[in-house]
Amino acid sequence: MECAIKLLDLADKRWSSDPSLSRRYVELAWRLKTKFNLRFSREVKMHFCKRCFTIWRPGETCRVRIRDGVLTVTCLNCNRVYRLPLPAKR
């Protein structure tokens, strides 16, 4: 689990200089996760696109919208849309 998190950190640091290397790091972290049946936390999962392995940077690589209690994240690389319900206010 630690190696996968380190790879995601490296991917985040490398994004501005080499986006293809960053995608490769995310892909390797995903392969480690699936091979060893690891589980990423919700925060970790929401840092990259599961289809194209692009690190999400709001405004650069993804668009984030909140509407009617739903968080919508659109990947600008592959146009995949992720919708997450937000907790209701009490």
N, C-alpha and C. Protein backbone atom coordinates (compact mmCIF):
# COMPACT_ATOMS: atom_id res chain seq x y z
N MET A 1 0.83 -1.19 0.00
CA MET A 1 0.00 0.00 0.00
C MET A 1 0.87 1.25 0.00
N GLU A 2 1.94 1.20 0.75
CA GLU A 2 2.83 2.35 0.86
C GLU A 2 3.46 2.69 -0.49
N CYS A 3 3.85 1.67 -1.25
CA CYS A 3 4.48 1.90 -2.56
C CYS A 3 3.51 2.57 -3.51
N ALA A 4 2.25 2.15 -3.48
CA ALA A 4 1.25 2.73 -4.37
C ALA A 4 1.03 4.20 -4.03
N ILE A 5 0.97 4.53 -2.75
CA ILE A 5 0.79 5.93 -2.33
C ILE A 5 2.00 6.77 -2.74
N LYS A 6 3.20 6.21 -2.61
CA LYS A 6 4.41 6.93 -3.03
C LYS A 6 4.40 7.19 -4.53
N LEU A 7 3.93 6.19 -5.30
CA LEU A 7 3.84 6.38 -6.75
C LEU A 7 2.86 7.49 -7.10
N LEU A 8 1.75 7.57 -6.38
CA LEU A 8 0.78 8.64 -6.64
C LEU A 8 1.34 10.00 -6.27
N ASP A 9 2.13 10.06 -5.20
CA ASP A 9 2.79 11.32 -4.83
C ASP A 9 3.79 11.74 -5.91
N LEU A 10 4.57 10.78 -6.40
CA LEU A 10 5.51 11.08 -7.48
C LEU A 10 4.79 11.56 -8.74
N ALA A 11 3.66 10.94 -9.04
CA ALA A 11 2.88 11.33 -10.21
C ALA A 11 2.39 12.77 -10.07
N ASP A 12 1.98 13.15 -8.88
CA ASP A 12 1.51 14.51 -8.65
C ASP A 12 2.65 15.52 -8.82
N LYS A 13 3.84 15.17 -8.34
CA LYS A 13 4.99 16.08 -8.47
C LYS A 13 5.49 16.20 -9.90
N ARG A 14 5.37 15.13 -10.68
CA ARG A 14 5.89 15.10 -12.05
C ARG A 14 4.93 15.65 -13.10
N TRP A 15 3.68 15.94 -12.72
CA TRP A 15 2.68 16.31 -13.71
C TRP A 15 3.10 17.51 -14.56
N SER A 16 3.60 18.56 -13.95
CA SER A 16 3.92 19.78 -14.71
C SER A 16 5.09 19.57 -15.66
N SER A 17 6.05 18.73 -15.32
CA SER A 17 7.22 18.54 -16.17
C SER A 17 7.03 17.45 -17.22
N ASP A 18 6.34 16.35 -16.86
CA ASP A 18 6.19 15.23 -17.79
C ASP A 18 4.87 14.50 -17.54
N PRO A 19 3.79 14.91 -18.20
CA PRO A 19 2.47 14.29 -17.96
C PRO A 19 2.41 12.81 -18.31
N SER A 20 3.15 12.37 -19.33
CA SER A 20 3.09 10.95 -19.69
C SER A 20 3.74 10.08 -18.61
N LEU A 21 4.83 10.56 -18.01
CA LEU A 21 5.46 9.83 -16.91
C LEU A 21 4.53 9.80 -15.69
N SER A 22 3.83 10.90 -15.47
CA SER A 22 2.87 10.96 -14.38
C SER A 22 1.77 9.93 -14.56
N ARG A 23 1.25 9.81 -15.78
CA ARG A 23 0.22 8.81 -16.06
C ARG A 23 0.75 7.39 -15.83
N ARG A 24 2.00 7.17 -16.21
CA ARG A 24 2.61 5.85 -16.03
C ARG A 24 2.71 5.50 -14.54
N TYR A 25 3.09 6.47 -13.71
CA TYR A 25 3.16 6.24 -12.27
C TYR A 25 1.78 5.87 -11.71
N VAL A 26 0.75 6.56 -12.15
CA VAL A 26 -0.59 6.27 -11.67
C VAL A 26 -1.02 4.88 -12.13
N GLU A 27 -0.68 4.53 -13.38
CA GLU A 27 -1.02 3.21 -13.89
C GLU A 27 -0.32 2.10 -13.09
N LEU A 28 0.95 2.32 -12.73
CA LEU A 28 1.67 1.35 -11.92
C LEU A 28 1.05 1.21 -10.53
N ALA A 29 0.64 2.32 -9.93
CA ALA A 29 -0.02 2.27 -8.62
C ALA A 29 -1.33 1.49 -8.72
N TRP A 30 -2.07 1.71 -9.81
CA TRP A 30 -3.33 0.99 -10.01
C TRP A 30 -3.09 -0.51 -10.17
N ARG A 31 -2.03 -0.87 -10.90
CA ARG A 31 -1.71 -2.29 -11.07
C ARG A 31 -1.32 -2.94 -9.75
N LEU A 32 -0.55 -2.22 -8.93
CA LEU A 32 -0.22 -2.75 -7.60
C LEU A 32 -1.48 -2.96 -6.77
N LYS A 33 -2.37 -2.00 -6.85
CA LYS A 33 -3.62 -2.08 -6.10
C LYS A 33 -4.43 -3.30 -6.51
N THR A 34 -4.54 -3.54 -7.80
CA THR A 34 -5.36 -4.66 -8.26
C THR A 34 -4.65 -6.00 -8.05
N LYS A 35 -3.34 -6.03 -8.22
CA LYS A 35 -2.62 -7.29 -8.06
C LYS A 35 -2.65 -7.81 -6.62
N PHE A 36 -2.47 -6.91 -5.68
CA PHE A 36 -2.40 -7.31 -4.28
C PHE A 36 -3.70 -7.05 -3.52
N ASN A 37 -4.77 -6.73 -4.25
CA ASN A 37 -6.10 -6.54 -3.68
C ASN A 37 -6.08 -5.48 -2.56
N LEU A 38 -5.46 -4.36 -2.84
CA LEU A 38 -5.41 -3.25 -1.89
C LEU A 38 -6.63 -2.35 -2.08
N ARG A 39 -6.94 -1.57 -1.08
CA ARG A 39 -8.05 -0.63 -1.18
C ARG A 39 -7.52 0.78 -0.92
N PHE A 40 -7.80 1.66 -1.88
CA PHE A 40 -7.46 3.07 -1.70
C PHE A 40 -8.60 3.74 -0.94
N SER A 41 -8.26 4.72 -0.13
CA SER A 41 -9.29 5.49 0.56
C SER A 41 -10.02 6.37 -0.45
N ARG A 42 -11.13 6.92 -0.05
CA ARG A 42 -11.91 7.77 -0.96
C ARG A 42 -11.11 8.98 -1.42
N GLU A 43 -10.32 9.56 -0.52
CA GLU A 43 -9.50 10.72 -0.86
C GLU A 43 -8.46 10.37 -1.93
N VAL A 44 -7.86 9.20 -1.79
CA VAL A 44 -6.84 8.78 -2.76
C VAL A 44 -7.49 8.49 -4.11
N LYS A 45 -8.65 7.85 -4.10
CA LYS A 45 -9.34 7.51 -5.34
C LYS A 45 -9.73 8.75 -6.12
N MET A 46 -10.00 9.83 -5.43
CA MET A 46 -10.48 11.04 -6.09
C MET A 46 -9.34 11.95 -6.57
N HIS A 47 -8.14 11.39 -6.74
CA HIS A 47 -7.02 12.19 -7.23
C HIS A 47 -6.65 11.88 -8.68
N PHE A 48 -7.30 10.89 -9.28
CA PHE A 48 -6.95 10.55 -10.65
C PHE A 48 -8.13 9.89 -11.36
N CYS A 49 -8.08 9.91 -12.67
CA CYS A 49 -9.11 9.29 -13.51
C CYS A 49 -8.82 7.80 -13.64
N LYS A 50 -9.83 6.97 -13.43
CA LYS A 50 -9.62 5.53 -13.52
C LYS A 50 -9.58 5.02 -14.95
N ARG A 51 -10.01 5.84 -15.91
CA ARG A 51 -9.99 5.42 -17.30
C ARG A 51 -8.66 5.74 -17.98
N CYS A 52 -8.18 6.99 -17.84
CA CYS A 52 -6.96 7.39 -18.57
C CYS A 52 -5.77 7.61 -17.64
N PHE A 53 -5.95 7.43 -16.33
CA PHE A 53 -4.88 7.55 -15.32
C PHE A 53 -4.25 8.94 -15.28
N THR A 54 -5.02 9.98 -15.53
CA THR A 54 -4.54 11.35 -15.45
C THR A 54 -4.76 11.87 -14.03
N ILE A 55 -3.72 12.49 -13.48
CA ILE A 55 -3.85 13.14 -12.17
C ILE A 55 -4.80 14.31 -12.33
N TRP A 56 -5.74 14.45 -11.40
CA TRP A 56 -6.70 15.54 -11.49
C TRP A 56 -6.16 16.79 -10.85
N ARG A 57 -6.16 17.86 -11.62
CA ARG A 57 -5.85 19.19 -11.14
C ARG A 57 -7.00 20.09 -11.59
N PRO A 58 -7.83 20.54 -10.66
CA PRO A 58 -9.00 21.33 -11.06
C PRO A 58 -8.60 22.54 -11.91
N GLY A 59 -9.27 22.67 -13.03
CA GLY A 59 -8.98 23.75 -13.96
C GLY A 59 -8.01 23.36 -15.05
N GLU A 60 -7.10 22.43 -14.77
CA GLU A 60 -6.12 21.99 -15.76
C GLU A 60 -6.53 20.68 -16.41
N THR A 61 -6.79 19.67 -15.59
CA THR A 61 -7.08 18.34 -16.12
C THR A 61 -8.49 17.86 -15.77
N CYS A 62 -9.19 18.60 -14.93
CA CYS A 62 -10.57 18.20 -14.62
C CYS A 62 -11.41 19.43 -14.32
N ARG A 63 -12.72 19.24 -14.44
CA ARG A 63 -13.68 20.30 -14.12
C ARG A 63 -14.51 19.79 -12.96
N VAL A 64 -14.65 20.61 -11.93
CA VAL A 64 -15.38 20.22 -10.72
C VAL A 64 -16.59 21.14 -10.57
N ARG A 65 -17.76 20.51 -10.39
CA ARG A 65 -18.99 21.26 -10.20
C ARG A 65 -19.76 20.65 -9.04
N ILE A 66 -20.47 21.49 -8.31
CA ILE A 66 -21.36 21.04 -7.24
C ILE A 66 -22.74 21.57 -7.57
N ARG A 67 -23.71 20.64 -7.66
CA ARG A 67 -25.07 21.05 -8.00
C ARG A 67 -26.05 20.06 -7.38
N ASP A 68 -27.04 20.59 -6.68
CA ASP A 68 -28.09 19.77 -6.06
C ASP A 68 -27.53 18.67 -5.18
N GLY A 69 -26.48 18.95 -4.45
CA GLY A 69 -25.92 17.97 -3.52
C GLY A 69 -25.10 16.87 -4.17
N VAL A 70 -24.67 17.10 -5.42
CA VAL A 70 -23.87 16.10 -6.13
C VAL A 70 -22.58 16.76 -6.61
N LEU A 71 -21.46 16.15 -6.28
CA LEU A 71 -20.16 16.60 -6.76
C LEU A 71 -19.91 15.91 -8.10
N THR A 72 -19.67 16.71 -9.15
CA THR A 72 -19.43 16.17 -10.48
C THR A 72 -18.03 16.54 -10.89
N VAL A 73 -17.22 15.54 -11.22
CA VAL A 73 -15.85 15.74 -11.69
C VAL A 73 -15.77 15.20 -13.11
N THR A 74 -15.37 16.06 -14.05
CA THR A 74 -15.24 15.65 -15.45
C THR A 74 -13.77 15.69 -15.83
N CYS A 75 -13.25 14.57 -16.29
CA CYS A 75 -11.87 14.50 -16.74
C CYS A 75 -11.79 15.19 -18.11
N LEU A 76 -10.90 16.14 -18.25
CA LEU A 76 -10.78 16.88 -19.51
C LEU A 76 -9.94 16.14 -20.53
N ASN A 77 -9.30 15.05 -20.13
CA ASN A 77 -8.49 14.26 -21.06
C ASN A 77 -9.36 13.25 -21.81
N CYS A 78 -10.22 12.51 -21.10
CA CYS A 78 -11.04 11.46 -21.73
C CYS A 78 -12.53 11.74 -21.64
N ASN A 79 -12.93 12.85 -21.00
CA ASN A 79 -14.33 13.28 -20.85
C ASN A 79 -15.19 12.34 -20.02
N ARG A 80 -14.59 11.55 -19.17
CA ARG A 80 -15.36 10.69 -18.27
C ARG A 80 -15.91 11.55 -17.14
N VAL A 81 -17.13 11.26 -16.72
CA VAL A 81 -17.80 12.03 -15.68
C VAL A 81 -17.96 11.16 -14.45
N TYR A 82 -17.56 11.67 -13.30
CA TYR A 82 -17.72 11.00 -12.01
C TYR A 82 -18.69 11.81 -11.18
N ARG A 83 -19.69 11.14 -10.63
CA ARG A 83 -20.67 11.83 -9.79
C ARG A 83 -20.66 11.20 -8.40
N LEU A 84 -20.53 12.05 -7.39
CA LEU A 84 -20.51 11.58 -6.00
C LEU A 84 -21.53 12.37 -5.20
N PRO A 85 -22.44 11.70 -4.51
CA PRO A 85 -23.38 12.42 -3.66
C PRO A 85 -22.65 12.99 -2.44
N LEU A 86 -22.98 14.21 -2.13
CA LEU A 86 -22.40 14.84 -0.95
C LEU A 86 -23.30 14.55 0.25
N PRO A 87 -22.71 14.50 1.45
CA PRO A 87 -23.54 14.25 2.63
C PRO A 87 -24.57 15.38 2.82
N ALA A 88 -25.76 15.01 3.24
CA ALA A 88 -26.81 15.99 3.46
C ALA A 88 -26.49 16.85 4.68
N LYS A 89 -26.86 18.12 4.59
CA LYS A 89 -26.65 19.02 5.73
C LYS A 89 -27.68 18.73 6.79
N ARG A 90 -27.25 18.80 8.04
CA ARG A 90 -28.18 18.54 9.16
C ARG A 90 -28.51 19.79 9.89
